[in-house]
Amino acid sequence: MSIFSNSRYVGSSITKITLPSGENRVYLGPHLPRFVGIRPGYSSEIFGSGDSLDNLSAQYLGSETFWWVIADINNLLFPEVDPVEDSGLNGLFIGRNLIIPPRQ
């Protein structure tokens, strides 16, 4: 299994397992989100009621499928909206300031 150089899984571990049946399987280990901070060309968006990462992704990045880019850049380990604002630095809640990268 190869990992493309621009994949979000770069740096993840690769585990190879042989099942009792003799079948080989390859699994990717977890990747840690990266916080890059705001840079020139990046936007800042306050996450509001009715917002979702896929809608913000469509608006700013041109496709809803890039929601994970916003999650990674903002170190969101729990990208589902948490109604409690004390969900910490790794959670998503109304009023959270999100960094949005420029469209590539």
C-alpha atoms as a PDB file:
ATOM      1  CA  MET A   1       0.000   0.000   0.000  1.00  0.00           C
ATOM      2  CA  SER A   2       1.408   3.369  -0.928  1.00  0.00           C
ATOM      3  CA  ILE A   3       0.371   6.738   0.480  1.00  0.00           C
ATOM      4  CA  PHE A   4       0.315   9.652  -1.936  1.00  0.00           C
ATOM      5  CA  SER A   5       2.564  12.584  -1.028  1.00  0.00           C
ATOM      6  CA  ASN A   6      -0.356  15.009  -0.597  1.00  0.00           C
ATOM      7  CA  SER A   7      -2.558  12.566   1.343  1.00  0.00           C
ATOM      8  CA  ARG A   8      -3.806  13.413   4.822  1.00  0.00           C
ATOM      9  CA  TYR A   9      -2.426  10.013   5.843  1.00  0.00           C
ATOM     10  CA  VAL A  10       1.238  10.906   5.204  1.00  0.00           C
ATOM     11  CA  GLY A  11       3.127   9.888   8.331  1.00  0.00           C
ATOM     12  CA  SER A  12       0.546   7.299   9.391  1.00  0.00           C
ATOM     13  CA  SER A  13       1.758   3.863  10.315  1.00  0.00           C
ATOM     14  CA  ILE A  14       0.975   0.905   8.076  1.00  0.00           C
ATOM     15  CA  THR A  15       0.192  -2.404   9.755  1.00  0.00           C
ATOM     16  CA  LYS A  16       0.184  -5.700   7.884  1.00  0.00           C
ATOM     17  CA  ILE A  17      -1.839  -8.529   9.396  1.00  0.00           C
ATOM     18  CA  THR A  18      -2.073 -12.139   8.304  1.00  0.00           C
ATOM     19  CA  LEU A  19      -5.419 -13.665   9.228  1.00  0.00           C
ATOM     20  CA  PRO A  20      -5.704 -17.317  10.345  1.00  0.00           C
ATOM     21  CA  SER A  21      -7.074 -18.050   6.871  1.00  0.00           C
ATOM     22  CA  GLY A  22      -3.740 -16.907   5.420  1.00  0.00           C
ATOM     23  CA  GLU A  23      -5.261 -13.774   3.895  1.00  0.00           C
ATOM     24  CA  ASN A  24      -3.090 -10.672   4.220  1.00  0.00           C
ATOM     25  CA  ARG A  25      -4.632  -7.319   5.134  1.00  0.00           C
ATOM     26  CA  VAL A  26      -3.078  -3.886   5.325  1.00  0.00           C
ATOM     27  CA  TYR A  27      -4.393  -1.200   7.660  1.00  0.00           C
ATOM     28  CA  LEU A  28      -3.506   2.447   8.034  1.00  0.00           C
ATOM     29  CA  GLY A  29      -2.933   3.666  11.552  1.00  0.00           C
ATOM     30  CA  PRO A  30      -4.579   6.858  12.763  1.00  0.00           C
ATOM     31  CA  HIS A  31      -3.230  10.199  11.701  1.00  0.00           C
ATOM     32  CA  LEU A  32      -3.012  13.184  13.974  1.00  0.00           C
ATOM     33  CA  PRO A  33      -4.613  16.366  12.718  1.00  0.00           C
ATOM     34  CA  ARG A  34      -2.206  19.211  12.183  1.00  0.00           C
ATOM     35  CA  PHE A  35      -2.780  22.747  13.348  1.00  0.00           C
ATOM     36  CA  VAL A  36      -1.100  25.139  10.959  1.00  0.00           C
ATOM     37  CA  GLY A  37      -2.398  28.486  12.216  1.00  0.00           C
ATOM     38  CA  ILE A  38      -3.686  31.247  10.001  1.00  0.00           C
ATOM     39  CA  ARG A  39      -1.480  32.095   7.050  1.00  0.00           C
ATOM     40  CA  PRO A  40      -1.720  34.560   4.162  1.00  0.00           C
ATOM     41  CA  GLY A  41      -4.645  33.592   1.945  1.00  0.00           C
ATOM     42  CA  TYR A  42      -6.436  31.691   4.709  1.00  0.00           C
ATOM     43  CA  SER A  43      -9.840  32.779   6.001  1.00  0.00           C
ATOM     44  CA  SER A  44     -11.322  32.814   9.461  1.00  0.00           C
ATOM     45  CA  GLU A  45     -14.948  31.759   9.928  1.00  0.00           C
ATOM     46  CA  ILE A  46     -17.056  31.621  13.072  1.00  0.00           C
ATOM     47  CA  PHE A  47     -18.963  28.325  13.091  1.00  0.00           C
ATOM     48  CA  GLY A  48     -22.635  29.194  13.374  1.00  0.00           C
ATOM     49  CA  SER A  49     -25.982  27.556  13.846  1.00  0.00           C
ATOM     50  CA  GLY A  50     -26.865  25.633  10.690  1.00  0.00           C
ATOM     51  CA  ASP A  51     -23.240  25.458   9.510  1.00  0.00           C
ATOM     52  CA  SER A  52     -21.539  22.185   8.676  1.00  0.00           C
ATOM     53  CA  LEU A  53     -18.007  21.359   7.630  1.00  0.00           C
ATOM     54  CA  ASP A  54     -19.165  20.009   4.283  1.00  0.00           C
ATOM     55  CA  ASN A  55     -21.098  23.218   3.515  1.00  0.00           C
ATOM     56  CA  LEU A  56     -18.129  25.397   4.498  1.00  0.00           C
ATOM     57  CA  SER A  57     -15.920  23.164   2.385  1.00  0.00           C
ATOM     58  CA  ALA A  58     -18.210  23.607  -0.633  1.00  0.00           C
ATOM     59  CA  GLN A  59     -18.290  27.379  -0.115  1.00  0.00           C
ATOM     60  CA  TYR A  60     -14.569  27.957   0.421  1.00  0.00           C
ATOM     61  CA  LEU A  61     -12.843  24.967  -1.196  1.00  0.00           C
ATOM     62  CA  GLY A  62     -15.195  24.248  -4.075  1.00  0.00           C
ATOM     63  CA  SER A  63     -16.311  20.783  -2.984  1.00  0.00           C
ATOM     64  CA  GLU A  64     -18.073  19.402   0.061  1.00  0.00           C
ATOM     65  CA  THR A  65     -15.741  16.396  -0.022  1.00  0.00           C
ATOM     66  CA  PHE A  66     -12.878  18.487   1.421  1.00  0.00           C
ATOM     67  CA  TRP A  67     -14.528  18.843   4.865  1.00  0.00           C
ATOM     68  CA  TRP A  68     -11.641  16.813   6.305  1.00  0.00           C
ATOM     69  CA  VAL A  69      -9.145  19.518   5.264  1.00  0.00           C
ATOM     70  CA  ILE A  70     -10.948  22.015   7.496  1.00  0.00           C
ATOM     71  CA  ALA A  71     -11.107  19.412  10.276  1.00  0.00           C
ATOM     72  CA  ASP A  72      -7.377  18.648  10.013  1.00  0.00           C
ATOM     73  CA  ILE A  73      -6.247  22.267   9.943  1.00  0.00           C
ATOM     74  CA  ASN A  74      -8.373  23.068  12.981  1.00  0.00           C
ATOM     75  CA  ASN A  75      -7.266  19.976  14.906  1.00  0.00           C
ATOM     76  CA  LEU A  76     -10.829  18.663  15.055  1.00  0.00           C
ATOM     77  CA  LEU A  77     -10.764  15.106  16.297  1.00  0.00           C
ATOM     78  CA  PHE A  78     -14.538  15.205  16.843  1.00  0.00           C
ATOM     79  CA  PRO A  79     -16.024  16.970  13.785  1.00  0.00           C
ATOM     80  CA  GLU A  80     -19.649  16.383  14.802  1.00  0.00           C
ATOM     81  CA  VAL A  81     -21.251  19.468  16.341  1.00  0.00           C
ATOM     82  CA  ASP A  82     -21.270  19.346  20.117  1.00  0.00           C
ATOM     83  CA  PRO A  83     -24.102  21.370  21.668  1.00  0.00           C
ATOM     84  CA  VAL A  84     -21.968  21.920  24.784  1.00  0.00           C
ATOM     85  CA  GLU A  85     -19.407  24.662  24.289  1.00  0.00           C
ATOM     86  CA  ASP A  86     -16.873  23.120  26.651  1.00  0.00           C
ATOM     87  CA  SER A  87     -16.028  20.383  24.158  1.00  0.00           C
ATOM     88  CA  GLY A  88     -12.425  21.515  24.231  1.00  0.00           C
ATOM     89  CA  LEU A  89      -9.900  22.339  21.547  1.00  0.00           C
ATOM     90  CA  ASN A  90     -10.608  19.166  19.572  1.00  0.00           C
ATOM     91  CA  GLY A  91     -14.382  19.590  19.337  1.00  0.00           C
ATOM     92  CA  LEU A  92     -16.691  21.543  17.060  1.00  0.00           C
ATOM     93  CA  PHE A  93     -19.262  23.870  18.593  1.00  0.00           C
ATOM     94  CA  ILE A  94     -21.307  26.960  17.709  1.00  0.00           C
ATOM     95  CA  GLY A  95     -19.086  30.026  18.018  1.00  0.00           C
ATOM     96  CA  ARG A  96     -15.819  28.234  17.355  1.00  0.00           C
ATOM     97  CA  ASN A  97     -13.406  30.188  15.192  1.00  0.00           C
ATOM     98  CA  LEU A  98     -12.304  28.005  12.264  1.00  0.00           C
ATOM     99  CA  ILE A  99      -9.343  28.511   9.963  1.00  0.00           C
ATOM    100  CA  ILE A 100     -10.216  27.845   6.320  1.00  0.00           C
ATOM    101  CA  PRO A 101      -7.379  27.284   3.830  1.00  0.00           C
ATOM    102  CA  PRO A 102      -7.482  28.813   0.350  1.00  0.00           C
ATOM    103  CA  ARG A 103      -8.822  26.834  -2.587  1.00  0.00           C
ATOM    104  CA  GLN A 104      -5.979  25.054  -4.368  1.00  0.00           C
END
